[in-house]
Amino acid sequence: MKKAAAREVGRLIASQCLAVRVRRLERVISRIYDATLAEHGINIAQLNLLAAIAVGGRARPSDLTRLLDVEKSTLSRNLKRMESLGWVRSDPNAPRRGRFLGLTPAGSRILIRMRAIWEKAQAMALVELGQRSFAQPRKLLSALAPSAKSRGAHTP
């Protein structure tokens, strides 16, 4: 009885869960970008992080977790690697909570150099998903941002 009920619930979730499909889609898309970027020693998460820091000129880690909607541990892991590669630096004298991150000259160079590679990955993702499908996530995220804020969720 319980096995049959569990199997039924399992089938329902496996066949209809939006979260499962969105996570799978995220992994598929990330693989497209990561495969294109891999030979350059960077992944899409790191490239997005460089871009986010570049846009503001500098950023606090807490701002980046909110902006990119990533876990602190994920952000810390990527920042540690990027600092060791010399792409990002923070003021060593600032208190941990008040520190600002900025791109180093090497970080700026890698971001600029990756533009053509990112454009190639972007085009591949567009071909894979189709132009109309590609516009949907942006539209959905824009529509969800105000309601997510009211629930205390991170918004991209």
N, C-alpha and C. Protein backbone atom coordinates (compact mmCIF):
# COMPACT_ATOMS: atom_id res chain seq x y z
N MET A 1 0.82 -1.19 0.00
CA MET A 1 0.00 0.00 0.00
C MET A 1 0.87 1.26 0.00
N LYS A 2 1.81 1.36 0.98
CA LYS A 2 2.66 2.55 1.05
C LYS A 2 3.60 2.62 -0.15
N LYS A 3 4.11 1.47 -0.61
CA LYS A 3 4.99 1.48 -1.77
C LYS A 3 4.25 1.99 -3.00
N ALA A 4 3.03 1.54 -3.18
CA ALA A 4 2.24 1.97 -4.33
C ALA A 4 1.93 3.46 -4.25
N ALA A 5 1.60 3.94 -3.05
CA ALA A 5 1.30 5.36 -2.88
C ALA A 5 2.56 6.19 -3.12
N ALA A 6 3.69 5.73 -2.61
CA ALA A 6 4.95 6.43 -2.81
C ALA A 6 5.31 6.45 -4.30
N ARG A 7 5.09 5.34 -4.98
CA ARG A 7 5.37 5.28 -6.42
C ARG A 7 4.49 6.27 -7.16
N GLU A 8 3.23 6.36 -6.78
CA GLU A 8 2.29 7.29 -7.42
C GLU A 8 2.74 8.75 -7.21
N VAL A 9 3.12 9.09 -5.99
CA VAL A 9 3.60 10.44 -5.70
C VAL A 9 4.90 10.69 -6.46
N GLY A 10 5.77 9.70 -6.48
CA GLY A 10 7.02 9.82 -7.22
C GLY A 10 6.79 10.10 -8.70
N ARG A 11 5.86 9.37 -9.31
CA ARG A 11 5.53 9.59 -10.73
C ARG A 11 4.96 11.00 -10.95
N LEU A 12 4.10 11.42 -10.05
CA LEU A 12 3.50 12.75 -10.16
C LEU A 12 4.58 13.83 -10.14
N ILE A 13 5.45 13.75 -9.16
CA ILE A 13 6.52 14.75 -9.04
C ILE A 13 7.47 14.67 -10.23
N ALA A 14 7.88 13.45 -10.58
CA ALA A 14 8.82 13.28 -11.69
C ALA A 14 8.25 13.78 -13.02
N SER A 15 6.95 13.66 -13.19
CA SER A 15 6.36 14.05 -14.47
C SER A 15 5.89 15.50 -14.52
N GLN A 16 5.69 16.14 -13.35
CA GLN A 16 5.08 17.47 -13.38
C GLN A 16 5.83 18.56 -12.61
N CYS A 17 6.87 18.23 -11.92
CA CYS A 17 7.53 19.22 -11.06
C CYS A 17 8.31 20.25 -11.88
N LEU A 18 7.91 21.49 -11.75
CA LEU A 18 8.58 22.59 -12.44
C LEU A 18 10.02 22.74 -11.96
N ALA A 19 10.25 22.60 -10.67
CA ALA A 19 11.60 22.76 -10.11
C ALA A 19 12.58 21.76 -10.74
N VAL A 20 12.14 20.53 -10.94
CA VAL A 20 13.00 19.51 -11.55
C VAL A 20 13.38 19.95 -12.96
N ARG A 21 12.41 20.41 -13.71
CA ARG A 21 12.68 20.79 -15.09
C ARG A 21 13.57 22.04 -15.19
N VAL A 22 13.32 23.02 -14.33
CA VAL A 22 14.13 24.23 -14.35
C VAL A 22 15.57 23.90 -13.97
N ARG A 23 15.77 23.06 -12.97
CA ARG A 23 17.13 22.68 -12.57
C ARG A 23 17.83 21.91 -13.69
N ARG A 24 17.10 21.02 -14.34
CA ARG A 24 17.70 20.29 -15.45
C ARG A 24 18.07 21.24 -16.59
N LEU A 25 17.18 22.17 -16.88
CA LEU A 25 17.45 23.14 -17.93
C LEU A 25 18.68 23.98 -17.58
N GLU A 26 18.79 24.39 -16.33
CA GLU A 26 19.96 25.16 -15.89
C GLU A 26 21.23 24.37 -16.11
N ARG A 27 21.22 23.08 -15.79
CA ARG A 27 22.42 22.26 -15.98
C ARG A 27 22.76 22.10 -17.47
N VAL A 28 21.74 21.93 -18.30
CA VAL A 28 21.97 21.81 -19.75
C VAL A 28 22.60 23.08 -20.28
N ILE A 29 22.04 24.22 -19.91
CA ILE A 29 22.55 25.49 -20.40
C ILE A 29 23.96 25.75 -19.86
N SER A 30 24.18 25.49 -18.59
CA SER A 30 25.52 25.68 -18.01
C SER A 30 26.55 24.82 -18.71
N ARG A 31 26.18 23.60 -19.08
CA ARG A 31 27.12 22.73 -19.79
C ARG A 31 27.52 23.32 -21.14
N ILE A 32 26.58 23.97 -21.82
CA ILE A 32 26.90 24.59 -23.11
C ILE A 32 27.96 25.67 -22.90
N TYR A 33 27.72 26.55 -21.95
CA TYR A 33 28.68 27.63 -21.68
C TYR A 33 30.00 27.07 -21.15
N ASP A 34 29.92 26.17 -20.17
CA ASP A 34 31.15 25.64 -19.56
C ASP A 34 32.01 24.91 -20.57
N ALA A 35 31.40 24.18 -21.48
CA ALA A 35 32.18 23.46 -22.49
C ALA A 35 32.92 24.44 -23.40
N THR A 36 32.28 25.54 -23.72
CA THR A 36 32.90 26.54 -24.58
C THR A 36 34.01 27.29 -23.85
N LEU A 37 33.81 27.56 -22.56
CA LEU A 37 34.77 28.34 -21.78
C LEU A 37 35.92 27.51 -21.21
N ALA A 38 35.74 26.21 -21.09
CA ALA A 38 36.67 25.33 -20.35
C ALA A 38 38.13 25.48 -20.77
N GLU A 39 38.38 25.53 -22.05
CA GLU A 39 39.78 25.59 -22.50
C GLU A 39 40.46 26.89 -22.09
N HIS A 40 39.70 27.84 -21.59
CA HIS A 40 40.25 29.12 -21.15
C HIS A 40 40.36 29.20 -19.63
N GLY A 41 40.06 28.09 -18.96
CA GLY A 41 40.25 28.01 -17.51
C GLY A 41 39.23 28.76 -16.69
N ILE A 42 38.04 28.93 -17.23
CA ILE A 42 36.98 29.66 -16.52
C ILE A 42 35.65 28.97 -16.78
N ASN A 43 34.73 29.09 -15.85
CA ASN A 43 33.39 28.54 -16.07
C ASN A 43 32.38 29.68 -16.07
N ILE A 44 31.16 29.38 -16.41
CA ILE A 44 30.15 30.43 -16.55
C ILE A 44 29.84 31.10 -15.22
N ALA A 45 29.89 30.38 -14.13
CA ALA A 45 29.65 31.00 -12.82
C ALA A 45 30.71 32.05 -12.53
N GLN A 46 31.96 31.73 -12.82
CA GLN A 46 33.05 32.67 -12.59
C GLN A 46 32.96 33.87 -13.54
N LEU A 47 32.60 33.61 -14.79
CA LEU A 47 32.46 34.69 -15.76
C LEU A 47 31.34 35.65 -15.34
N ASN A 48 30.23 35.09 -14.88
CA ASN A 48 29.13 35.93 -14.40
C ASN A 48 29.55 36.75 -13.18
N LEU A 49 30.35 36.16 -12.33
CA LEU A 49 30.84 36.85 -11.15
C LEU A 49 31.77 38.01 -11.55
N LEU A 50 32.67 37.75 -12.49
CA LEU A 50 33.54 38.83 -13.00
C LEU A 50 32.70 39.95 -13.60
N ALA A 51 31.68 39.58 -14.36
CA ALA A 51 30.82 40.57 -14.99
C ALA A 51 30.08 41.41 -13.94
N ALA A 52 29.57 40.76 -12.92
CA ALA A 52 28.83 41.47 -11.86
C ALA A 52 29.74 42.45 -11.13
N ILE A 53 30.96 42.05 -10.86
CA ILE A 53 31.91 42.95 -10.18
C ILE A 53 32.28 44.10 -11.11
N ALA A 54 32.48 43.80 -12.39
CA ALA A 54 32.87 44.83 -13.36
C ALA A 54 31.78 45.89 -13.52
N VAL A 55 30.53 45.48 -13.51
CA VAL A 55 29.42 46.41 -13.70
C VAL A 55 29.42 47.49 -12.62
N GLY A 56 29.64 47.08 -11.38
CA GLY A 56 29.62 48.04 -10.29
C GLY A 56 30.97 48.66 -9.97
N GLY A 57 32.02 48.16 -10.58
CA GLY A 57 33.35 48.63 -10.28
C GLY A 57 33.94 47.94 -9.06
N ARG A 58 33.10 47.67 -8.10
CA ARG A 58 33.47 46.90 -6.92
C ARG A 58 32.18 46.46 -6.25
N ALA A 59 32.26 45.43 -5.43
CA ALA A 59 31.05 44.89 -4.81
C ALA A 59 31.40 44.17 -3.52
N ARG A 60 30.47 44.16 -2.61
CA ARG A 60 30.62 43.37 -1.39
C ARG A 60 30.11 41.96 -1.69
N PRO A 61 30.69 40.96 -1.06
CA PRO A 61 30.21 39.59 -1.27
C PRO A 61 28.71 39.44 -1.00
N SER A 62 28.20 40.10 0.02
CA SER A 62 26.77 39.98 0.32
C SER A 62 25.92 40.54 -0.82
N ASP A 63 26.40 41.60 -1.47
CA ASP A 63 25.68 42.14 -2.62
C ASP A 63 25.67 41.14 -3.77
N LEU A 64 26.78 40.46 -3.96
CA LEU A 64 26.88 39.48 -5.05
C LEU A 64 25.99 38.28 -4.82
N THR A 65 25.87 37.83 -3.56
CA THR A 65 24.98 36.68 -3.30
C THR A 65 23.55 37.05 -3.64
N ARG A 66 23.15 38.26 -3.33
CA ARG A 66 21.78 38.70 -3.67
C ARG A 66 21.62 38.90 -5.17
N LEU A 67 22.55 39.59 -5.77
CA LEU A 67 22.46 39.90 -7.20
C LEU A 67 22.42 38.64 -8.06
N LEU A 68 23.31 37.70 -7.75
CA LEU A 68 23.41 36.48 -8.56
C LEU A 68 22.58 35.33 -8.02
N ASP A 69 21.97 35.53 -6.85
CA ASP A 69 21.13 34.52 -6.22
C ASP A 69 21.89 33.20 -6.04
N VAL A 70 23.07 33.32 -5.41
CA VAL A 70 23.91 32.15 -5.15
C VAL A 70 24.11 31.99 -3.64
N GLU A 71 24.43 30.80 -3.25
CA GLU A 71 24.73 30.51 -1.85
C GLU A 71 26.07 31.12 -1.48
N LYS A 72 26.21 31.48 -0.21
CA LYS A 72 27.46 32.06 0.26
C LYS A 72 28.64 31.11 0.02
N SER A 73 28.41 29.82 0.24
CA SER A 73 29.51 28.86 0.07
C SER A 73 29.96 28.78 -1.39
N THR A 74 29.00 28.84 -2.31
CA THR A 74 29.33 28.81 -3.74
C THR A 74 30.11 30.06 -4.11
N LEU A 75 29.64 31.21 -3.63
CA LEU A 75 30.33 32.45 -3.91
C LEU A 75 31.75 32.42 -3.34
N SER A 76 31.89 31.99 -2.10
CA SER A 76 33.20 31.93 -1.45
C SER A 76 34.16 31.03 -2.21
N ARG A 77 33.68 29.88 -2.65
CA ARG A 77 34.52 28.94 -3.40
C ARG A 77 35.01 29.58 -4.70
N ASN A 78 34.10 30.22 -5.43
CA ASN A 78 34.50 30.85 -6.69
C ASN A 78 35.42 32.04 -6.45
N LEU A 79 35.13 32.85 -5.43
CA LEU A 79 35.99 34.00 -5.15
C LEU A 79 37.39 33.56 -4.74
N LYS A 80 37.48 32.51 -3.95
CA LYS A 80 38.79 32.00 -3.51
C LYS A 80 39.63 31.61 -4.73
N ARG A 81 39.02 30.88 -5.64
CA ARG A 81 39.73 30.48 -6.86
C ARG A 81 40.12 31.70 -7.70
N MET A 82 39.20 32.64 -7.83
CA MET A 82 39.46 33.80 -8.66
C MET A 82 40.51 34.72 -8.03
N GLU A 83 40.53 34.78 -6.71
CA GLU A 83 41.59 35.55 -6.04
C GLU A 83 42.94 34.88 -6.22
N SER A 84 42.96 33.55 -6.15
CA SER A 84 44.24 32.84 -6.32
C SER A 84 44.75 32.95 -7.76
N LEU A 85 43.85 33.12 -8.72
CA LEU A 85 44.24 33.32 -10.12
C LEU A 85 44.62 34.77 -10.41
N GLY A 86 44.38 35.64 -9.42
CA GLY A 86 44.73 37.04 -9.58
C GLY A 86 43.71 37.85 -10.37
N TRP A 87 42.46 37.38 -10.45
CA TRP A 87 41.42 38.07 -11.20
C TRP A 87 40.64 39.07 -10.35
N VAL A 88 40.59 38.80 -9.04
CA VAL A 88 39.79 39.59 -8.12
C VAL A 88 40.63 39.85 -6.89
N ARG A 89 40.43 41.01 -6.28
CA ARG A 89 41.13 41.30 -5.03
C ARG A 89 40.19 42.09 -4.12
N SER A 90 40.48 42.01 -2.86
CA SER A 90 39.75 42.82 -1.89
C SER A 90 40.77 43.58 -1.06
N ASP A 91 40.30 44.60 -0.39
CA ASP A 91 41.17 45.39 0.48
C ASP A 91 41.54 44.52 1.67
N PRO A 92 42.80 44.16 1.81
CA PRO A 92 43.20 43.25 2.90
C PRO A 92 43.04 43.88 4.29
N ASN A 93 42.95 45.20 4.38
CA ASN A 93 42.82 45.87 5.67
C ASN A 93 41.36 46.09 6.08
N ALA A 94 40.42 45.86 5.17
CA ALA A 94 39.02 46.07 5.49
C ALA A 94 38.50 44.91 6.35
N PRO A 95 37.56 45.20 7.23
CA PRO A 95 36.95 44.11 8.00
C PRO A 95 36.22 43.17 7.05
N ARG A 96 36.18 41.89 7.41
CA ARG A 96 35.59 40.87 6.54
C ARG A 96 34.20 41.28 6.03
N ARG A 97 33.34 41.75 6.90
CA ARG A 97 31.97 42.10 6.52
C ARG A 97 31.90 43.35 5.64
N GLY A 98 32.91 44.21 5.75
CA GLY A 98 32.87 45.46 5.01
C GLY A 98 33.75 45.46 3.77
N ARG A 99 34.32 44.32 3.45
CA ARG A 99 35.27 44.31 2.34
C ARG A 99 34.57 44.46 0.98
N PHE A 100 35.25 45.15 0.10
CA PHE A 100 34.78 45.31 -1.26
C PHE A 100 35.72 44.56 -2.18
N LEU A 101 35.14 43.94 -3.19
CA LEU A 101 35.90 43.20 -4.19
C LEU A 101 35.98 44.03 -5.46
N GLY A 102 37.11 43.95 -6.11
CA GLY A 102 37.28 44.62 -7.39
C GLY A 102 38.05 43.73 -8.34
N LEU A 103 37.92 44.01 -9.62
CA LEU A 103 38.70 43.26 -10.60
C LEU A 103 40.13 43.79 -10.61
N THR A 104 41.05 42.88 -10.76
CA THR A 104 42.45 43.27 -10.98
C THR A 104 42.60 43.53 -12.48
N PRO A 105 43.73 44.07 -12.89
CA PRO A 105 43.96 44.22 -14.34
C PRO A 105 43.84 42.86 -15.06
N ALA A 106 44.31 41.79 -14.43
CA ALA A 106 44.19 40.46 -15.05
C ALA A 106 42.72 40.04 -15.15
N GLY A 107 41.93 40.37 -14.14
CA GLY A 107 40.50 40.06 -14.17
C GLY A 107 39.79 40.81 -15.27
N SER A 108 40.14 42.07 -15.45
CA SER A 108 39.56 42.86 -16.54
C SER A 108 39.95 42.28 -17.89
N ARG A 109 41.22 41.87 -18.01
CA ARG A 109 41.68 41.30 -19.28
C ARG A 109 40.95 40.00 -19.61
N ILE A 110 40.79 39.13 -18.62
CA ILE A 110 40.11 37.85 -18.89
C ILE A 110 38.64 38.09 -19.26
N LEU A 111 38.00 39.04 -18.59
CA LEU A 111 36.61 39.35 -18.91
C LEU A 111 36.50 39.86 -20.35
N ILE A 112 37.36 40.76 -20.72
CA ILE A 112 37.34 41.31 -22.09
C ILE A 112 37.66 40.21 -23.10
N ARG A 113 38.67 39.38 -22.80
CA ARG A 113 39.07 38.30 -23.70
C ARG A 113 37.96 37.27 -23.88
N MET A 114 37.14 37.07 -22.86
CA MET A 114 36.09 36.06 -22.91
C MET A 114 34.85 36.51 -23.67
N ARG A 115 34.80 37.77 -24.05
CA ARG A 115 33.60 38.25 -24.74
C ARG A 115 33.27 37.41 -25.97
N ALA A 116 34.22 37.22 -26.85
CA ALA A 116 33.97 36.46 -28.08
C ALA A 116 33.62 35.01 -27.76
N ILE A 117 34.26 34.45 -26.76
CA ILE A 117 33.97 33.06 -26.36
C ILE A 117 32.56 32.98 -25.79
N TRP A 118 32.20 33.95 -24.94
CA TRP A 118 30.86 33.99 -24.37
C TRP A 118 29.82 34.16 -25.47
N GLU A 119 30.10 35.03 -26.46
CA GLU A 119 29.16 35.23 -27.57
C GLU A 119 28.94 33.93 -28.35
N LYS A 120 30.00 33.15 -28.49
CA LYS A 120 29.88 31.85 -29.17
C LYS A 120 28.97 30.92 -28.36
N ALA A 121 29.20 30.86 -27.04
CA ALA A 121 28.35 30.03 -26.18
C ALA A 121 26.91 30.53 -26.18
N GLN A 122 26.75 31.82 -26.17
CA GLN A 122 25.42 32.43 -26.19
C GLN A 122 24.68 32.02 -27.47
N ALA A 123 25.38 32.07 -28.59
CA ALA A 123 24.78 31.68 -29.87
C ALA A 123 24.41 30.19 -29.86
N MET A 124 25.28 29.37 -29.28
CA MET A 124 24.99 27.93 -29.21
C MET A 124 23.76 27.68 -28.34
N ALA A 125 23.65 28.40 -27.24
CA ALA A 125 22.49 28.24 -26.36
C ALA A 125 21.22 28.68 -27.07
N LEU A 126 21.32 29.77 -27.84
CA LEU A 126 20.16 30.24 -28.59
C LEU A 126 19.70 29.22 -29.62
N VAL A 127 20.65 28.59 -30.29
CA VAL A 127 20.31 27.56 -31.27
C VAL A 127 19.65 26.38 -30.56
N GLU A 128 20.22 25.99 -29.43
CA GLU A 128 19.70 24.84 -28.68
C GLU A 128 18.29 25.10 -28.16
N LEU A 129 18.05 26.28 -27.63
CA LEU A 129 16.76 26.60 -27.00
C LEU A 129 15.76 27.25 -27.95
N GLY A 130 16.25 27.91 -28.95
CA GLY A 130 15.38 28.69 -29.82
C GLY A 130 15.23 30.09 -29.26
N GLN A 131 15.14 31.06 -30.15
CA GLN A 131 15.09 32.47 -29.75
C GLN A 131 13.91 32.77 -28.83
N ARG A 132 12.73 32.27 -29.15
CA ARG A 132 11.55 32.56 -28.33
C ARG A 132 11.68 31.95 -26.95
N SER A 133 12.19 30.73 -26.88
CA SER A 133 12.36 30.09 -25.58
C SER A 133 13.36 30.83 -24.73
N PHE A 134 14.36 31.41 -25.36
CA PHE A 134 15.41 32.11 -24.65
C PHE A 134 14.88 33.38 -23.99
N ALA A 135 13.90 34.00 -24.61
CA ALA A 135 13.33 35.24 -24.06
C ALA A 135 12.46 34.96 -22.84
N GLN A 136 11.88 33.79 -22.75
CA GLN A 136 10.96 33.47 -21.65
C GLN A 136 11.57 33.57 -20.25
N PRO A 137 12.76 33.01 -20.00
CA PRO A 137 13.31 33.12 -18.64
C PRO A 137 13.49 34.57 -18.19
N ARG A 138 13.96 35.43 -19.08
CA ARG A 138 14.14 36.84 -18.72
C ARG A 138 12.79 37.46 -18.35
N LYS A 139 11.79 37.18 -19.15
CA LYS A 139 10.45 37.71 -18.91
C LYS A 139 9.90 37.20 -17.58
N LEU A 140 10.06 35.91 -17.35
CA LEU A 140 9.58 35.31 -16.10
C LEU A 140 10.29 35.89 -14.88
N LEU A 141 11.60 36.01 -14.96
CA LEU A 141 12.36 36.54 -13.83
C LEU A 141 12.00 37.99 -13.55
N SER A 142 11.79 38.77 -14.59
CA SER A 142 11.38 40.16 -14.39
C SER A 142 10.03 40.24 -13.71
N ALA A 143 9.12 39.39 -14.12
CA ALA A 143 7.78 39.39 -13.52
C ALA A 143 7.81 38.90 -12.08
N LEU A 144 8.70 37.97 -11.78
CA LEU A 144 8.76 37.40 -10.44
C LEU A 144 9.54 38.25 -9.44
N ALA A 145 10.41 39.10 -9.90
CA ALA A 145 11.28 39.86 -9.00
C ALA A 145 10.52 40.61 -7.90
N PRO A 146 9.46 41.38 -8.21
CA PRO A 146 8.77 42.09 -7.13
C PRO A 146 8.12 41.16 -6.11
N SER A 147 7.51 40.07 -6.56
CA SER A 147 6.85 39.17 -5.61
C SER A 147 7.88 38.38 -4.81
N ALA A 148 9.03 38.07 -5.40
CA ALA A 148 10.08 37.36 -4.68
C ALA A 148 10.63 38.23 -3.56
N LYS A 149 10.77 39.53 -3.82
CA LYS A 149 11.25 40.45 -2.78
C LYS A 149 10.29 40.48 -1.61
N SER A 150 9.00 40.47 -1.90
CA SER A 150 8.03 40.54 -0.81
C SER A 150 8.03 39.26 0.04
N ARG A 151 8.49 38.15 -0.54
CA ARG A 151 8.59 36.89 0.22
C ARG A 151 9.95 36.73 0.86
N GLY A 152 10.85 37.70 0.64
CA GLY A 152 12.18 37.62 1.23
C GLY A 152 13.16 36.77 0.45
N ALA A 153 12.80 36.43 -0.77
CA ALA A 153 13.67 35.59 -1.60
C ALA A 153 14.72 36.46 -2.27
N HIS A 154 15.81 35.81 -2.68
CA HIS A 154 16.85 36.49 -3.46
C HIS A 154 16.30 36.73 -4.85
N THR A 155 16.66 37.84 -5.43
CA THR A 155 16.26 38.09 -6.81
C THR A 155 17.50 38.28 -7.66
N PRO A 156 17.47 37.74 -8.88
CA PRO A 156 18.62 37.88 -9.76
C PRO A 156 18.72 39.27 -10.34
